[in-house]
N, C-alpha and C. Protein backbone atom coordinates (compact mmCIF):
# COMPACT_ATOMS: atom_id res chain seq x y z
N MET A 1 0.42 -1.22 0.02
CA MET A 1 -0.55 -0.48 -0.15
C MET A 1 0.64 1.45 -0.11
N GLN A 2 0.87 2.52 -0.67
CA GLN A 2 1.34 3.56 -0.91
C GLN A 2 1.04 4.38 -0.35
N SER A 3 1.42 5.42 0.79
CA SER A 3 0.48 6.35 1.05
C SER A 3 2.11 7.86 1.09
N LEU A 4 1.05 8.66 0.67
CA LEU A 4 1.30 9.82 0.95
C LEU A 4 1.34 10.67 2.55
N THR A 5 3.32 10.91 2.82
CA THR A 5 2.26 10.57 4.75
C THR A 5 3.07 12.99 4.73
N ASN A 6 3.92 12.75 4.22
CA ASN A 6 3.83 14.73 4.20
C ASN A 6 4.03 15.07 2.97
N ILE A 7 2.86 16.44 3.04
CA ILE A 7 3.26 17.79 2.22
C ILE A 7 3.86 19.24 2.93
N SER A 8 4.37 19.66 2.83
CA SER A 8 4.16 20.42 3.59
C SER A 8 5.05 21.92 3.18
N SER A 9 4.74 22.89 3.59
CA SER A 9 5.68 24.68 2.91
C SER A 9 6.45 24.81 4.11
N ALA A 10 7.45 25.32 4.15
CA ALA A 10 8.83 25.93 5.29
C ALA A 10 7.75 27.20 5.37
N THR A 11 7.86 28.12 6.54
CA THR A 11 7.72 29.48 6.43
C THR A 11 7.78 30.73 6.76
N ARG A 12 9.69 29.86 7.22
CA ARG A 12 11.11 30.75 7.36
C ARG A 12 11.91 30.76 6.19
N SER A 13 11.91 29.79 5.09
CA SER A 13 12.22 29.95 4.41
C SER A 13 11.75 29.64 2.74
N VAL A 14 12.15 29.33 1.16
CA VAL A 14 11.70 29.14 -0.05
C VAL A 14 12.11 27.51 -0.28
N THR A 15 11.63 26.63 1.17
CA THR A 15 11.85 25.64 0.97
C THR A 15 10.67 24.96 0.89
N THR A 16 10.42 23.97 -0.57
CA THR A 16 9.07 23.42 0.12
C THR A 16 9.54 21.69 -0.03
N TRP A 17 8.78 20.84 0.45
CA TRP A 17 8.96 19.41 1.14
C TRP A 17 8.31 18.32 0.38
N GLN A 18 8.00 17.08 0.67
CA GLN A 18 7.51 16.31 0.05
C GLN A 18 8.07 15.22 0.48
N THR A 19 7.58 14.22 1.24
CA THR A 19 7.66 12.69 1.74
C THR A 19 6.40 11.15 1.31
N PHE A 20 7.13 10.70 0.87
CA PHE A 20 6.72 9.42 0.27
C PHE A 20 6.86 8.39 1.09
N THR A 21 6.08 7.00 1.46
CA THR A 21 6.63 6.19 1.56
C THR A 21 5.23 5.28 1.69
N ASP A 22 6.52 4.11 1.74
CA ASP A 22 5.72 2.80 1.03
C ASP A 22 6.22 2.05 2.15
N GLU A 23 5.55 0.48 2.51
CA GLU A 23 6.48 -0.34 2.92
C GLU A 23 8.10 -0.36 2.63
N ASN A 24 8.82 -0.11 1.61
CA ASN A 24 10.21 -0.49 1.57
C ASN A 24 10.42 0.46 1.43
N THR A 25 10.20 1.90 0.76
CA THR A 25 10.59 2.30 0.64
C THR A 25 10.38 4.20 1.18
N THR A 26 11.48 5.38 1.42
CA THR A 26 11.28 6.65 1.98
C THR A 26 11.60 7.09 1.11
N ILE A 27 10.58 8.38 0.64
CA ILE A 27 11.51 9.06 -0.98
C ILE A 27 10.93 10.80 0.39
N THR A 28 12.10 11.27 -0.07
CA THR A 28 12.00 13.16 0.95
C THR A 28 12.90 13.55 -0.67
N LYS A 29 11.80 14.29 -1.30
CA LYS A 29 12.22 15.59 -2.20
C LYS A 29 11.95 17.23 -1.69
N ARG A 30 12.55 18.16 -1.87
CA ARG A 30 12.94 19.33 -1.08
C ARG A 30 13.06 20.22 -2.57
N TRP A 31 12.60 21.64 -2.65
CA TRP A 31 12.97 22.33 -3.46
C TRP A 31 13.31 23.70 -3.39
N ALA A 32 14.25 23.60 -3.72
CA ALA A 32 14.95 25.53 -2.69
C ALA A 32 16.10 26.14 -3.67
N GLY A 33 15.33 27.07 -4.57
CA GLY A 33 15.42 27.82 -5.39
C GLY A 33 15.62 27.33 -7.10
N ALA A 34 16.47 26.61 -7.63
CA ALA A 34 17.04 26.32 -9.02
C ALA A 34 17.83 24.96 -8.51
N GLY A 35 17.86 24.23 -7.05
CA GLY A 35 17.41 23.19 -6.94
C GLY A 35 16.30 22.07 -6.94
N GLU A 36 16.13 20.40 -6.89
CA GLU A 36 15.48 19.97 -6.08
C GLU A 36 16.27 18.81 -5.72
N TYR A 37 16.41 18.32 -4.54
CA TYR A 37 17.31 17.58 -3.45
C TYR A 37 16.46 16.06 -3.19
N ILE A 38 16.64 15.39 -3.82
CA ILE A 38 15.63 14.30 -3.75
C ILE A 38 16.27 12.72 -3.23
N THR A 39 15.91 12.01 -1.81
CA THR A 39 16.00 11.37 -0.96
C THR A 39 15.29 10.06 -1.23
N THR A 40 16.58 8.98 -1.20
CA THR A 40 15.68 7.69 -1.63
C THR A 40 16.79 6.67 -0.77
N ASN A 41 16.10 6.10 0.16
CA ASN A 41 16.14 5.74 1.29
C ASN A 41 17.64 5.83 1.61
N GLY A 42 17.87 6.92 1.34
CA GLY A 42 19.06 7.72 2.82
C GLY A 42 20.12 7.99 1.48
N THR A 43 20.34 7.55 -0.17
CA THR A 43 20.85 7.65 -0.93
C THR A 43 20.37 9.49 -1.65
N GLU A 44 20.57 10.28 -2.03
CA GLU A 44 20.73 11.66 -2.00
C GLU A 44 20.81 11.78 -3.47
N ARG A 45 20.45 12.84 -4.39
CA ARG A 45 20.54 12.82 -5.45
C ARG A 45 19.46 14.00 -5.91
N VAL A 46 20.55 15.31 -6.55
CA VAL A 46 20.55 16.68 -6.81
C VAL A 46 19.90 17.00 -7.87
N LEU A 47 19.32 17.73 -8.65
CA LEU A 47 18.71 17.72 -10.20
C LEU A 47 18.96 19.52 -9.21
N THR A 48 19.71 20.71 -10.96
CA THR A 48 19.89 21.61 -10.73
C THR A 48 19.77 22.12 -11.60
N TYR A 49 18.86 22.92 -12.29
CA TYR A 49 18.03 23.45 -13.25
C TYR A 49 19.10 25.10 -13.85
N LEU A 50 19.14 25.01 -14.97
CA LEU A 50 20.34 25.70 -15.00
C LEU A 50 19.17 27.14 -16.46
N SER A 51 19.40 28.33 -15.95
CA SER A 51 18.38 28.66 -16.75
C SER A 51 19.00 30.66 -17.53
N GLY A 52 18.09 30.90 -17.99
CA GLY A 52 18.62 32.16 -19.54
C GLY A 52 17.61 33.43 -19.65
N PRO A 53 17.91 33.77 -20.42
CA PRO A 53 16.41 34.59 -19.87
C PRO A 53 15.79 34.26 -21.36
N GLN A 54 16.40 33.04 -21.70
CA GLN A 54 15.42 32.41 -22.49
C GLN A 54 14.09 30.32 -21.73
N GLY A 55 14.68 30.72 -20.52
CA GLY A 55 14.44 29.82 -19.20
C GLY A 55 15.16 28.39 -20.29
N VAL A 56 15.27 27.70 -18.82
CA VAL A 56 15.96 26.66 -18.80
C VAL A 56 16.30 26.16 -19.81
N PHE A 57 18.53 25.70 -19.66
CA PHE A 57 18.42 24.77 -21.03
C PHE A 57 19.18 24.13 -20.34
N ALA A 58 19.40 24.01 -19.12
CA ALA A 58 19.80 22.65 -18.88
C ALA A 58 19.34 22.67 -17.33
N LEU A 59 19.83 21.16 -17.65
CA LEU A 59 19.96 20.04 -15.82
C LEU A 59 21.40 19.85 -15.14
N VAL A 60 21.62 20.11 -14.46
CA VAL A 60 23.04 18.80 -13.80
C VAL A 60 22.38 18.00 -12.64
N GLU A 61 22.63 16.73 -13.02
CA GLU A 61 22.43 15.66 -12.02
C GLU A 61 23.51 15.91 -11.36
N LYS A 62 23.82 15.14 -10.29
CA LYS A 62 24.45 14.83 -9.43
C LYS A 62 24.17 13.46 -8.55
N GLN A 63 24.81 12.15 -8.14
CA GLN A 63 24.43 11.37 -7.61
C GLN A 63 25.98 11.07 -7.11
N GLN A 64 25.60 10.51 -5.74
CA GLN A 64 26.97 9.84 -5.23
C GLN A 64 28.39 9.82 -6.25
N GLY A 65 28.65 11.53 -6.30
CA GLY A 65 29.71 12.27 -6.74
C GLY A 65 30.53 12.30 -8.67
N ILE A 66 29.08 11.81 -8.24
CA ILE A 66 29.28 11.80 -10.63
C ILE A 66 28.31 13.08 -11.20
N ASN A 67 28.70 14.56 -11.83
CA ASN A 67 27.81 15.01 -12.47
C ASN A 67 27.20 14.94 -13.71
N LYS A 68 26.41 14.89 -14.22
CA LYS A 68 25.83 14.55 -15.61
C LYS A 68 24.96 15.60 -15.83
N ILE A 69 25.36 16.32 -16.58
CA ILE A 69 24.59 17.62 -17.67
C ILE A 69 23.75 16.98 -18.35
N PHE A 70 22.70 17.52 -18.83
CA PHE A 70 21.35 17.12 -19.68
C PHE A 70 21.23 17.86 -20.23
N TYR A 71 20.92 18.59 -21.57
CA TYR A 71 21.07 19.88 -22.40
C TYR A 71 19.22 20.15 -22.83
N ILE A 72 18.73 21.42 -22.88
CA ILE A 72 17.02 20.76 -23.15
C ILE A 72 17.13 21.27 -24.71
N HIS A 73 16.66 20.99 -25.36
CA HIS A 73 15.99 21.70 -26.69
C HIS A 73 15.25 22.02 -27.34
N LYS A 74 14.29 23.23 -27.36
CA LYS A 74 13.15 23.91 -27.55
C LYS A 74 12.65 23.46 -29.00
N ASP A 75 11.75 23.22 -29.33
CA ASP A 75 11.45 22.86 -30.84
C ASP A 75 11.32 24.12 -31.43
N HIS A 76 11.56 24.40 -32.34
CA HIS A 76 11.28 25.55 -32.73
C HIS A 76 10.56 25.66 -34.05
N LEU A 77 10.03 24.25 -34.35
CA LEU A 77 9.59 23.98 -35.82
C LEU A 77 8.13 24.86 -35.56
N GLY A 78 7.70 24.36 -34.61
CA GLY A 78 6.48 24.10 -34.18
C GLY A 78 5.48 24.60 -33.06
């Protein structure tokens, strides 16, 4: 059985968090600024959204000390 245990917003900062729990897994997501911090059973994954005047152009993923970058290409054809 899956249950959503907590959706809340901090009042003193710009942080929002969500916790999901079932029998074997606990996932906590925190959002602050351009960052998303996802912790699954104690392992953290950090997503950082890079943006410029035209909007978001890349996503940097950091997990277990390894950085990966994903570029976002917008469709200008239609």
